[in-house]
Protein backbone atom coordinates (compact mmCIF):
# COMPACT_ATOMS: atom_id res chain seq x y z
CA MET A 1 -32.36 49.92 -48.76
CA ASN A 2 -33.68 51.40 -45.98
CA GLY A 3 -36.19 53.84 -47.51
CA VAL A 4 -37.28 55.18 -50.87
CA ARG A 5 -35.27 57.17 -53.43
CA ILE A 6 -37.72 59.54 -55.72
CA CYS A 7 -36.59 60.42 -59.24
CA SER A 8 -37.89 62.37 -62.30
CA ILE A 9 -38.12 60.77 -65.45
CA ARG A 10 -39.92 63.46 -67.12
CA ASP A 11 -37.38 65.34 -68.67
CA ASP A 12 -34.58 62.86 -69.49
CA PRO A 13 -35.68 58.80 -68.95
CA GLU A 14 -32.34 57.93 -69.62
CA ASN A 15 -30.68 59.92 -66.83
CA PRO A 16 -33.29 60.29 -63.94
CA GLU A 17 -32.86 63.48 -61.95
CA PHE A 18 -32.56 62.22 -57.98
CA LEU A 19 -35.15 64.29 -56.01
CA SER A 20 -35.59 63.09 -52.64
CA TYR A 21 -34.71 60.45 -50.45
CA TRP A 22 -37.68 59.12 -47.62
CA ASP A 23 -36.27 57.31 -44.62
CA ASN A 24 -37.76 54.24 -43.01
CA GLY A 25 -35.78 55.35 -39.52
CA VAL A 26 -34.61 51.47 -38.79
CA PRO A 27 -31.06 51.15 -40.08
CA HIS A 28 -29.40 47.36 -40.61
CA ALA A 29 -33.08 45.61 -40.93
CA PHE A 30 -35.23 44.36 -43.87
CA GLY A 31 -35.68 48.13 -45.02
CA VAL A 32 -38.12 48.73 -47.54
CA HIS A 33 -39.11 45.14 -48.48
CA ARG A 34 -41.79 45.65 -51.51
CA PHE A 35 -43.77 48.66 -52.74
CA MET A 36 -46.45 49.42 -54.97
CA TYR A 37 -46.75 52.49 -57.18
CA ASP A 38 -49.05 53.20 -60.07
CA GLY A 39 -48.74 57.24 -60.28
CA GLY A 40 -50.64 59.66 -58.22
CA ARG A 41 -50.10 60.76 -55.23
CA TYR A 42 -49.52 57.98 -52.96
CA VAL A 43 -46.79 55.12 -52.53
CA HIS A 44 -47.58 51.93 -50.43
CA LEU A 45 -44.83 50.12 -48.58
CA SER A 46 -43.56 47.08 -46.75
CA SER A 47 -41.29 48.72 -44.74
CA ASP A 48 -39.56 48.31 -40.84
CA ALA A 49 -41.04 51.14 -38.63
CA VAL A 50 -39.36 51.96 -35.00
CA GLY A 51 -40.93 49.99 -32.29
CA PHE A 52 -42.56 47.50 -34.36
CA GLU A 53 -41.50 43.98 -34.97
CA GLY A 54 -41.38 43.13 -38.72
CA MET A 55 -42.63 44.88 -41.88
CA ILE A 56 -45.70 47.19 -41.37
CA TYR A 57 -47.94 48.96 -44.22
CA ARG A 58 -46.92 52.46 -44.54
CA ILE A 59 -48.58 55.09 -46.57
CA LEU A 60 -46.12 57.82 -48.33
CA ASP A 61 -47.53 61.03 -49.95
CA ILE A 62 -45.46 62.51 -52.70
CA ILE A 63 -47.78 65.48 -53.84
CA ASP A 64 -44.26 66.83 -53.34
CA PRO A 65 -41.67 64.74 -54.51
CA LYS A 66 -39.03 66.46 -52.89
CA HIS A 67 -40.48 66.30 -49.82
CA PRO A 68 -42.20 62.54 -49.05
CA VAL A 69 -44.52 62.63 -45.87
CA GLU A 70 -45.56 59.46 -44.53
CA ILE A 71 -49.13 59.80 -43.52
CA GLY A 72 -50.47 56.43 -42.59
CA ARG A 73 -49.72 53.04 -41.18
CA TRP A 74 -51.37 50.08 -40.38
CA TRP A 75 -50.05 47.13 -38.44
CA MET A 76 -51.01 43.69 -36.46
CA PRO A 77 -51.57 44.19 -32.94
CA ASP A 78 -48.81 42.00 -31.69
CA GLN A 79 -46.02 43.93 -34.09
CA TYR A 80 -46.39 46.48 -31.88
CA ALA A 81 -43.29 46.03 -29.69
CA ASP A 82 -43.21 49.17 -27.54
CA GLY A 83 -46.91 48.15 -26.61
CA TYR A 84 -45.75 45.40 -24.26
CA PRO A 85 -43.97 45.82 -21.33
CA GLY A 86 -40.46 44.54 -21.43
CA ARG A 87 -40.67 43.29 -24.87
CA THR A 88 -37.55 43.67 -26.64
CA PHE A 89 -36.61 42.77 -30.02
CA ASP A 90 -33.04 43.19 -32.40
CA PRO A 91 -34.24 44.36 -36.30
CA SER A 92 -30.80 43.92 -37.33
CA ALA A 93 -30.38 40.11 -36.11
CA PRO A 94 -29.60 37.63 -38.58
CA HIS A 95 -32.41 36.03 -40.26
CA ASN A 96 -34.31 33.08 -38.96
CA PRO A 97 -36.63 31.17 -40.84
CA THR A 98 -38.91 30.80 -38.07
CA PHE A 99 -39.79 34.69 -38.22
CA MET A 100 -41.79 33.98 -41.39
CA GLU A 101 -44.40 32.32 -39.53
CA LYS A 102 -45.09 35.34 -37.25
CA ASN A 103 -47.01 38.07 -38.50
CA HIS A 104 -45.35 40.85 -40.58
CA LEU A 105 -46.33 42.46 -44.20
CA HIS A 106 -44.31 40.53 -46.77
CA GLY A 107 -46.04 42.48 -49.79
CA PRO A 108 -46.38 44.71 -51.43
CA PRO A 109 -49.72 46.13 -50.85
CA PHE A 110 -51.63 46.35 -53.50
CA VAL A 111 -53.91 48.80 -53.65
CA VAL A 112 -57.19 49.29 -55.73
CA GLY A 113 -59.83 51.81 -55.18
CA ASN A 114 -60.43 51.83 -51.49
CA ARG A 115 -58.94 48.49 -50.86
CA ALA A 116 -55.68 46.89 -50.53
CA TYR A 117 -55.04 43.80 -50.32
CA LEU A 118 -51.77 42.36 -48.43
CA GLY A 119 -49.98 39.37 -48.36
CA TYR A 120 -48.99 39.43 -44.32
CA SER A 121 -47.07 36.14 -44.12
CA GLY A 122 -48.40 34.29 -40.96
CA ALA A 123 -51.58 36.46 -40.77
CA GLY A 124 -52.54 34.94 -43.99
CA LEU A 125 -54.58 37.65 -46.18
CA VAL A 126 -55.47 40.94 -45.01
CA ILE A 127 -57.71 43.50 -46.43
CA LEU A 128 -58.23 46.88 -45.57
CA ASP A 129 -60.39 49.75 -46.16
CA VAL A 130 -57.80 52.83 -47.52
CA SER A 131 -60.78 55.39 -48.20
CA ASP A 132 -59.11 57.67 -45.48
CA MET A 133 -55.03 57.15 -46.31
CA THR A 134 -54.27 58.93 -42.88
CA ARG A 135 -56.70 55.76 -41.03
CA PRO A 136 -56.56 52.31 -42.45
CA ARG A 137 -59.07 49.67 -41.51
CA CYS A 138 -59.24 46.04 -40.96
CA LEU A 139 -62.04 44.67 -42.87
CA GLY A 140 -61.27 40.86 -43.05
CA GLN A 141 -58.44 38.62 -42.81
CA LEU A 142 -57.99 34.86 -44.07
CA ARG A 143 -55.38 32.79 -42.52
CA LEU A 144 -53.42 30.58 -44.63
CA MET A 145 -51.42 28.43 -41.91
CA PRO A 146 -52.63 25.86 -41.60
CA PRO A 147 -53.30 23.97 -43.46
CA PHE A 148 -50.88 25.27 -46.14
CA CYS A 149 -47.15 26.56 -45.96
CA SER A 150 -44.21 24.23 -45.62
CA GLN A 151 -42.03 24.65 -42.39
CA LEU A 152 -39.40 24.60 -44.99
CA ALA A 153 -40.81 27.62 -47.07
CA GLY A 154 -40.26 31.34 -46.79
CA SER A 155 -42.70 33.80 -46.21
CA ARG A 156 -45.77 31.62 -45.57
CA THR A 157 -48.46 34.16 -47.30
CA HIS A 158 -46.45 36.42 -49.69
CA THR A 159 -48.05 38.53 -52.17
CA ALA A 160 -51.94 38.76 -52.79
CA LEU A 161 -52.70 39.99 -56.38
CA PRO A 162 -56.22 41.65 -56.77
CA LEU A 163 -57.82 40.80 -60.34
CA LEU A 164 -58.95 44.07 -61.84
CA GLY A 165 -62.14 43.88 -62.45
CA ARG A 166 -63.59 40.90 -60.77
CA ASP A 167 -63.86 39.86 -57.03
CA TYR A 168 -60.68 37.57 -56.69
CA VAL A 169 -57.25 37.90 -55.41
CA VAL A 170 -54.52 35.17 -55.86
CA VAL A 171 -52.92 34.82 -52.81
CA THR A 172 -49.62 32.85 -52.76
CA ASN A 173 -46.91 31.14 -50.26
CA GLU A 174 -43.31 31.10 -50.96
CA GLY A 175 -41.81 28.01 -51.45
CA GLU A 176 -39.33 26.08 -50.32
CA ARG A 177 -36.03 27.66 -49.30
CA TYR A 178 -33.75 24.63 -49.15
CA THR A 179 -30.59 27.00 -49.71
CA TRP A 180 -31.63 28.45 -46.74
CA PHE A 181 -31.40 25.31 -44.45
CA THR A 182 -28.57 22.78 -43.67
CA PRO A 183 -28.95 19.10 -44.73
CA GLU A 184 -29.18 18.27 -40.90
CA ARG A 185 -32.29 20.70 -40.51
CA ILE A 186 -33.72 19.33 -44.01
CA LYS A 187 -33.23 15.79 -42.41
CA GLU A 188 -34.81 16.85 -38.91
CA ASN A 189 -37.78 17.77 -41.05
CA HIS A 190 -38.15 14.98 -43.33
CA ARG A 191 -41.67 14.48 -43.03
CA ALA A 192 -45.07 15.51 -44.46
CA GLN A 193 -44.68 19.27 -45.41
CA ALA A 194 -47.62 21.73 -45.99
CA LEU A 195 -48.22 22.31 -49.66
CA ASN A 196 -47.47 25.92 -51.06
CA ASN A 197 -49.92 26.39 -53.03
CA LEU A 198 -51.58 29.11 -55.76
CA HIS A 199 -55.04 30.05 -53.87
CA MET A 200 -58.00 31.80 -55.50
CA VAL A 201 -59.77 33.90 -53.16
CA ASP A 202 -63.36 35.28 -53.07
CA VAL A 203 -63.69 38.50 -51.97
CA SER A 204 -66.75 40.28 -52.88
CA ASP A 205 -67.40 40.14 -49.13
CA PRO A 206 -64.45 41.61 -47.60
CA GLY A 207 -65.33 40.65 -44.37
CA ASN A 208 -65.11 37.20 -45.36
CA PRO A 209 -62.89 36.15 -47.43
CA THR A 210 -63.59 33.07 -48.61
CA LEU A 211 -60.84 30.47 -50.61
CA ILE A 212 -62.58 28.91 -53.71
CA ALA A 213 -59.71 27.35 -55.89
CA GLU A 214 -56.39 25.84 -55.45
CA PHE A 215 -54.11 25.59 -57.92
CA LEU A 216 -51.30 22.65 -57.23
CA ILE A 217 -47.74 23.10 -58.42
CA PRO A 218 -46.78 20.43 -60.60
CA LYS A 219 -44.55 17.67 -59.36
CA SER A 220 -40.83 18.43 -59.53
CA LEU A 221 -41.24 21.34 -62.00
CA LEU A 222 -38.27 22.97 -60.47
CA GLY A 223 -36.64 19.79 -59.25
CA SER A 224 -37.06 20.79 -55.42
CA PRO A 225 -35.92 17.96 -53.11
CA SER A 226 -40.02 18.31 -52.08
CA GLY A 227 -41.25 17.20 -55.48
CA THR A 228 -42.46 21.16 -55.10
CA SER A 229 -41.66 24.37 -56.72
CA THR A 230 -38.98 26.60 -55.00
CA ARG A 231 -39.64 30.63 -54.66
CA PRO A 232 -39.35 31.74 -58.52
CA GLY A 233 -42.66 29.08 -59.14
CA TRP A 234 -45.40 30.62 -59.29
CA GLU A 235 -44.75 34.30 -57.37
CA TYR A 236 -44.53 36.66 -60.34
CA ARG A 237 -46.17 37.37 -63.83
CA GLY A 238 -44.23 36.83 -66.82
CA ARG A 239 -41.93 34.62 -65.30
CA LEU A 240 -44.04 31.46 -66.43
CA ALA A 241 -42.55 31.11 -69.85
CA ARG A 242 -39.25 30.85 -68.72
CA ILE A 243 -39.74 28.10 -65.84
CA ILE A 244 -41.30 26.01 -68.35
CA SER A 245 -38.81 26.64 -71.15
CA MET A 246 -36.12 25.59 -68.09
CA ASN A 247 -38.86 22.29 -67.21
CA PRO A 248 -40.43 21.04 -70.47
CA CYS A 249 -41.30 17.81 -69.13
CA PRO A 250 -43.09 18.14 -65.81
CA ALA A 251 -43.58 14.28 -63.84
CA ASN A 252 -47.40 14.75 -63.40
CA PRO A 253 -49.55 12.48 -65.90
CA GLY A 254 -52.15 15.13 -68.14
CA TRP A 255 -49.88 18.17 -67.31
CA SER A 256 -48.25 19.45 -70.47
CA PRO A 257 -46.31 23.36 -70.82
CA GLU A 258 -49.25 24.52 -72.73
CA THR A 259 -51.79 23.40 -69.55
CA ILE A 260 -49.40 25.29 -67.46
CA GLU A 261 -49.07 28.38 -68.98
CA TYR A 262 -52.57 28.89 -69.88
CA THR A 263 -53.77 27.84 -66.45
CA ALA A 264 -51.37 30.13 -64.85
CA VAL A 265 -52.20 33.00 -66.98
CA TYR A 266 -55.78 32.35 -66.28
CA PHE A 267 -55.13 32.59 -62.76
CA CYS A 268 -52.44 35.64 -62.89
CA CYS A 269 -53.12 37.75 -65.72
CA ARG A 270 -56.37 37.39 -67.26
CA PRO A 271 -58.04 40.66 -68.35
CA PRO A 272 -61.57 42.25 -66.93
CA GLY A 273 -64.55 40.37 -68.73
CA VAL A 274 -62.82 37.87 -70.52
């Protein structure tokens, strides 16, 4: 979908009432890839935009849900294709895995207070000041590629999840996408691949986000050819139990389903103050 549909569930949750549709203006592209909405006035999008290569951060004001309006946006400088003489690109071109190394907002953008935390693919973790929603400002950045992010992986930095009440952000790389590659391509890349881990980042100083811990993926957890987890591995809260039930005996010595489950809960779901 190239935009956002807004519906009301106030009167009848089982039969939502359609209110409006906001179009991002770029047909046949990624569309609105991810979004965050936790109530209130603003919707935070990872979305294509006319004149930009790859998804950027776009902010919608839905104070009038029947007439959503974009009121702010932010992008990495190299994304603004119209700012370079003679530069062209085709937003509807077939997917090319090397695109994942470029700077684009995979998202979703996570906003806590006046800060937005963005998983920005090749650009790594980006932290913005959104105290003025009409003019987001960059505070800091932490690149993870290199040393992390396999060449056979998906989005080089996928998600940046802030832990509420704590000065930490959990950042993920998207795991290997073997279904996207031919056997010949995999054979060409049959060499050591960079790790796609779950990263713990200290953001107490947003101008200097600091990598402080790594959560290594247990070997062959999902049976991928390289012995590391594929996309579903560590990106989504609430899916750990299903993964463990599918793979009750990870190959790494010392790992058990209980160890994996509670370690991941500690990283992703630990409530403030616990």
